[in-house]
Amino acid sequence: MQDLSCLGTVLVVEDDFLIAMDLERMLAANGCNCVELAGSCQEAIERTSQAEYDLVTVDVKLSDGDCVELVRLLDDQGTPYIFVTGYDRGAYPAGPVPWVSKPVADDDLLAAIQTRLLGRENFRSSAEL
């Protein structure tokens, strides 16, 4: 089990409620104290425009479209994020951002978070969105 208690607030961007709840459970079980959920790209954009997050998990395709605008906003803000999606990595140009495939395994999620946060200081997005 990893200790994610160093994270403040994590935003889970996922339109499938059961998957969102499972991600929330995984994060909480590993010490994350505050997890918020956004069920659409638009809701995530609104939330990230109004509050700071220590990490955002992003599903690539949601019911209201893809999250290109959200990813650009996160890049502009310097907010770290990872992709959690059922799509193949080649279907979306993600640059160096960690990618977790659904169904999500705890170890895969934690490894992606660790990779993303360790690279935060030197991260520059090369996503060609």
C-alpha atoms as a PDB file:
ATOM      1  CA  MET A   1       0.000   0.000   0.000  1.00  0.00           C
ATOM      2  CA  GLN A   2       1.297   3.451  -0.963  1.00  0.00           C
ATOM      3  CA  ASP A   3       0.893   6.488   1.253  1.00  0.00           C
ATOM      4  CA  LEU A   4      -0.927   9.225  -0.645  1.00  0.00           C
ATOM      5  CA  SER A   5      -1.562  11.319   2.454  1.00  0.00           C
ATOM      6  CA  CYS A   6       0.880  13.906   1.077  1.00  0.00           C
ATOM      7  CA  LEU A   7      -1.700  14.749  -1.584  1.00  0.00           C
ATOM      8  CA  GLY A   8      -4.189  17.457  -0.800  1.00  0.00           C
ATOM      9  CA  THR A   9      -7.211  17.244  -3.085  1.00  0.00           C
ATOM     10  CA  VAL A  10      -7.512  14.873  -6.037  1.00  0.00           C
ATOM     11  CA  LEU A  11     -10.128  15.384  -8.743  1.00  0.00           C
ATOM     12  CA  VAL A  12     -11.425  12.250 -10.464  1.00  0.00           C
ATOM     13  CA  VAL A  13     -12.875  13.087 -13.901  1.00  0.00           C
ATOM     14  CA  GLU A  14     -15.022  10.112 -14.859  1.00  0.00           C
ATOM     15  CA  ASP A  15     -18.561   9.829 -16.243  1.00  0.00           C
ATOM     16  CA  ASP A  16     -19.148   6.238 -15.111  1.00  0.00           C
ATOM     17  CA  PHE A  17     -20.255   6.571 -11.487  1.00  0.00           C
ATOM     18  CA  LEU A  18     -19.175   3.057 -10.469  1.00  0.00           C
ATOM     19  CA  ILE A  19     -15.684   3.536 -11.887  1.00  0.00           C
ATOM     20  CA  ALA A  20     -15.438   6.967 -10.241  1.00  0.00           C
ATOM     21  CA  MET A  21     -16.410   5.463  -6.888  1.00  0.00           C
ATOM     22  CA  ASP A  22     -13.874   2.661  -7.344  1.00  0.00           C
ATOM     23  CA  LEU A  23     -11.113   5.184  -8.063  1.00  0.00           C
ATOM     24  CA  GLU A  24     -12.186   7.180  -5.017  1.00  0.00           C
ATOM     25  CA  ARG A  25     -12.026   4.000  -2.912  1.00  0.00           C
ATOM     26  CA  MET A  26      -8.542   3.145  -4.204  1.00  0.00           C
ATOM     27  CA  LEU A  27      -7.246   6.624  -3.472  1.00  0.00           C
ATOM     28  CA  ALA A  28      -8.782   6.713   0.016  1.00  0.00           C
ATOM     29  CA  ALA A  29      -7.486   3.220   0.840  1.00  0.00           C
ATOM     30  CA  ASN A  30      -3.987   4.488   0.078  1.00  0.00           C
ATOM     31  CA  GLY A  31      -4.198   7.542   2.313  1.00  0.00           C
ATOM     32  CA  CYS A  32      -5.659  10.228   0.069  1.00  0.00           C
ATOM     33  CA  ASN A  33      -7.825  12.344   2.346  1.00  0.00           C
ATOM     34  CA  CYS A  34      -9.838  14.428  -0.107  1.00  0.00           C
ATOM     35  CA  VAL A  35     -11.228  13.165  -3.405  1.00  0.00           C
ATOM     36  CA  GLU A  36     -13.720  15.112  -5.498  1.00  0.00           C
ATOM     37  CA  LEU A  37     -15.613  13.788  -8.507  1.00  0.00           C
ATOM     38  CA  ALA A  38     -16.481  15.464 -11.815  1.00  0.00           C
ATOM     39  CA  GLY A  39     -18.776  13.589 -14.186  1.00  0.00           C
ATOM     40  CA  SER A  40     -18.142  15.646 -17.327  1.00  0.00           C
ATOM     41  CA  CYS A  41     -15.426  17.632 -19.061  1.00  0.00           C
ATOM     42  CA  GLN A  42     -17.352  20.843 -18.490  1.00  0.00           C
ATOM     43  CA  GLU A  43     -17.747  20.191 -14.773  1.00  0.00           C
ATOM     44  CA  ALA A  44     -14.031  19.400 -14.506  1.00  0.00           C
ATOM     45  CA  ILE A  45     -13.114  22.617 -16.332  1.00  0.00           C
ATOM     46  CA  GLU A  46     -15.335  24.620 -13.983  1.00  0.00           C
ATOM     47  CA  ARG A  47     -13.864  22.946 -10.890  1.00  0.00           C
ATOM     48  CA  THR A  48     -10.236  23.331 -11.977  1.00  0.00           C
ATOM     49  CA  SER A  49     -10.870  26.966 -12.873  1.00  0.00           C
ATOM     50  CA  GLN A  50     -12.131  27.661  -9.347  1.00  0.00           C
ATOM     51  CA  ALA A  51      -9.887  25.462  -7.176  1.00  0.00           C
ATOM     52  CA  GLU A  52      -6.389  24.000  -7.098  1.00  0.00           C
ATOM     53  CA  TYR A  53      -5.853  20.263  -7.200  1.00  0.00           C
ATOM     54  CA  ASP A  54      -2.759  18.269  -6.370  1.00  0.00           C
ATOM     55  CA  LEU A  55      -3.644  15.660  -8.984  1.00  0.00           C
ATOM     56  CA  VAL A  56      -6.385  15.053 -11.541  1.00  0.00           C
ATOM     57  CA  THR A  57      -7.285  11.682 -13.029  1.00  0.00           C
ATOM     58  CA  VAL A  58      -8.771  12.172 -16.499  1.00  0.00           C
ATOM     59  CA  ASP A  59     -10.867   9.801 -18.586  1.00  0.00           C
ATOM     60  CA  VAL A  60     -10.063  10.550 -22.227  1.00  0.00           C
ATOM     61  CA  LYS A  61     -13.611  10.388 -23.581  1.00  0.00           C
ATOM     62  CA  LEU A  62     -16.625  11.438 -21.562  1.00  0.00           C
ATOM     63  CA  SER A  63     -20.290  11.808 -22.408  1.00  0.00           C
ATOM     64  CA  ASP A  64     -19.790  15.489 -23.299  1.00  0.00           C
ATOM     65  CA  GLY A  65     -16.713  14.902 -25.471  1.00  0.00           C
ATOM     66  CA  ASP A  66     -13.002  14.465 -25.079  1.00  0.00           C
ATOM     67  CA  CYS A  67     -11.011  16.333 -22.484  1.00  0.00           C
ATOM     68  CA  VAL A  68      -8.664  18.292 -24.751  1.00  0.00           C
ATOM     69  CA  GLU A  69      -9.711  21.657 -23.301  1.00  0.00           C
ATOM     70  CA  LEU A  70      -9.364  20.325 -19.748  1.00  0.00           C
ATOM     71  CA  VAL A  71      -5.890  18.948 -20.451  1.00  0.00           C
ATOM     72  CA  ARG A  72      -4.789  22.283 -21.914  1.00  0.00           C
ATOM     73  CA  LEU A  73      -6.079  24.071 -18.810  1.00  0.00           C
ATOM     74  CA  LEU A  74      -4.259  21.631 -16.517  1.00  0.00           C
ATOM     75  CA  ASP A  75      -1.048  22.103 -18.510  1.00  0.00           C
ATOM     76  CA  ASP A  76      -1.406  25.891 -18.300  1.00  0.00           C
ATOM     77  CA  GLN A  77      -1.965  25.675 -14.536  1.00  0.00           C
ATOM     78  CA  GLY A  78       0.883  23.228 -13.985  1.00  0.00           C
ATOM     79  CA  THR A  79      -1.553  20.779 -12.398  1.00  0.00           C
ATOM     80  CA  PRO A  80      -0.356  17.167 -12.616  1.00  0.00           C
ATOM     81  CA  TYR A  81      -2.740  14.670 -14.171  1.00  0.00           C
ATOM     82  CA  ILE A  82      -2.866  11.087 -15.341  1.00  0.00           C
ATOM     83  CA  PHE A  83      -5.137   9.427 -17.873  1.00  0.00           C
ATOM     84  CA  VAL A  84      -7.426   6.624 -16.693  1.00  0.00           C
ATOM     85  CA  THR A  85      -9.258   5.262 -19.713  1.00  0.00           C
ATOM     86  CA  GLY A  86     -10.469   2.276 -21.660  1.00  0.00           C
ATOM     87  CA  TYR A  87      -8.969   3.595 -24.898  1.00  0.00           C
ATOM     88  CA  ASP A  88      -5.653   2.443 -26.317  1.00  0.00           C
ATOM     89  CA  ARG A  89      -2.752   4.781 -25.683  1.00  0.00           C
ATOM     90  CA  GLY A  90      -2.270   5.281 -29.433  1.00  0.00           C
ATOM     91  CA  ALA A  91      -5.796   6.668 -29.785  1.00  0.00           C
ATOM     92  CA  TYR A  92      -4.904   9.888 -27.980  1.00  0.00           C
ATOM     93  CA  PRO A  93      -1.587  11.757 -28.184  1.00  0.00           C
ATOM     94  CA  ALA A  94      -0.738  12.036 -24.493  1.00  0.00           C
ATOM     95  CA  GLY A  95       2.953  12.862 -24.545  1.00  0.00           C
ATOM     96  CA  PRO A  96       4.732  11.818 -21.350  1.00  0.00           C
ATOM     97  CA  VAL A  97       1.591  11.653 -19.196  1.00  0.00           C
ATOM     98  CA  PRO A  98       1.074   8.306 -17.413  1.00  0.00           C
ATOM     99  CA  TRP A  99      -1.758   6.208 -18.827  1.00  0.00           C
ATOM    100  CA  VAL A 100      -3.776   3.680 -16.794  1.00  0.00           C
ATOM    101  CA  SER A 101      -6.029   1.240 -18.635  1.00  0.00           C
ATOM    102  CA  LYS A 102      -9.460   0.213 -17.440  1.00  0.00           C
ATOM    103  CA  PRO A 103     -10.316  -1.895 -15.613  1.00  0.00           C
ATOM    104  CA  VAL A 104      -8.009  -0.175 -13.147  1.00  0.00           C
ATOM    105  CA  ALA A 105      -5.797  -2.182 -10.822  1.00  0.00           C
ATOM    106  CA  ASP A 106      -4.669  -0.514  -7.581  1.00  0.00           C
ATOM    107  CA  ASP A 107      -0.997  -1.121  -8.367  1.00  0.00           C
ATOM    108  CA  ASP A 108      -1.290   0.415 -11.846  1.00  0.00           C
ATOM    109  CA  LEU A 109      -3.050   3.513 -10.507  1.00  0.00           C
ATOM    110  CA  LEU A 110      -0.502   3.994  -7.742  1.00  0.00           C
ATOM    111  CA  ALA A 111       2.451   3.477 -10.090  1.00  0.00           C
ATOM    112  CA  ALA A 112       1.055   6.090 -12.498  1.00  0.00           C
ATOM    113  CA  ILE A 113       0.530   8.576  -9.668  1.00  0.00           C
ATOM    114  CA  GLN A 114       4.024   7.988  -8.364  1.00  0.00           C
ATOM    115  CA  THR A 115       5.535   8.369 -11.840  1.00  0.00           C
ATOM    116  CA  ARG A 116       3.598  11.554 -12.490  1.00  0.00           C
ATOM    117  CA  LEU A 117       4.364  13.210  -9.177  1.00  0.00           C
ATOM    118  CA  LEU A 118       8.050  12.266  -9.248  1.00  0.00           C
ATOM    119  CA  GLY A 119       8.365  13.937 -12.652  1.00  0.00           C
ATOM    120  CA  ARG A 120       6.362  17.014 -11.650  1.00  0.00           C
ATOM    121  CA  GLU A 121       9.268  19.385 -11.096  1.00  0.00           C
ATOM    122  CA  ASN A 122      10.712  18.845 -14.564  1.00  0.00           C
ATOM    123  CA  PHE A 123       7.491  18.138 -16.422  1.00  0.00           C
ATOM    124  CA  ARG A 124       6.706  19.957 -19.618  1.00  0.00           C
ATOM    125  CA  SER A 125       3.765  18.663 -21.565  1.00  0.00           C
ATOM    126  CA  SER A 126       4.520  17.636 -25.086  1.00  0.00           C
ATOM    127  CA  ALA A 127       0.916  16.662 -25.779  1.00  0.00           C
ATOM    128  CA  GLU A 128       0.037  17.669 -29.306  1.00  0.00           C
ATOM    129  CA  LEU A 129      -3.662  18.212 -28.746  1.00  0.00           C
END
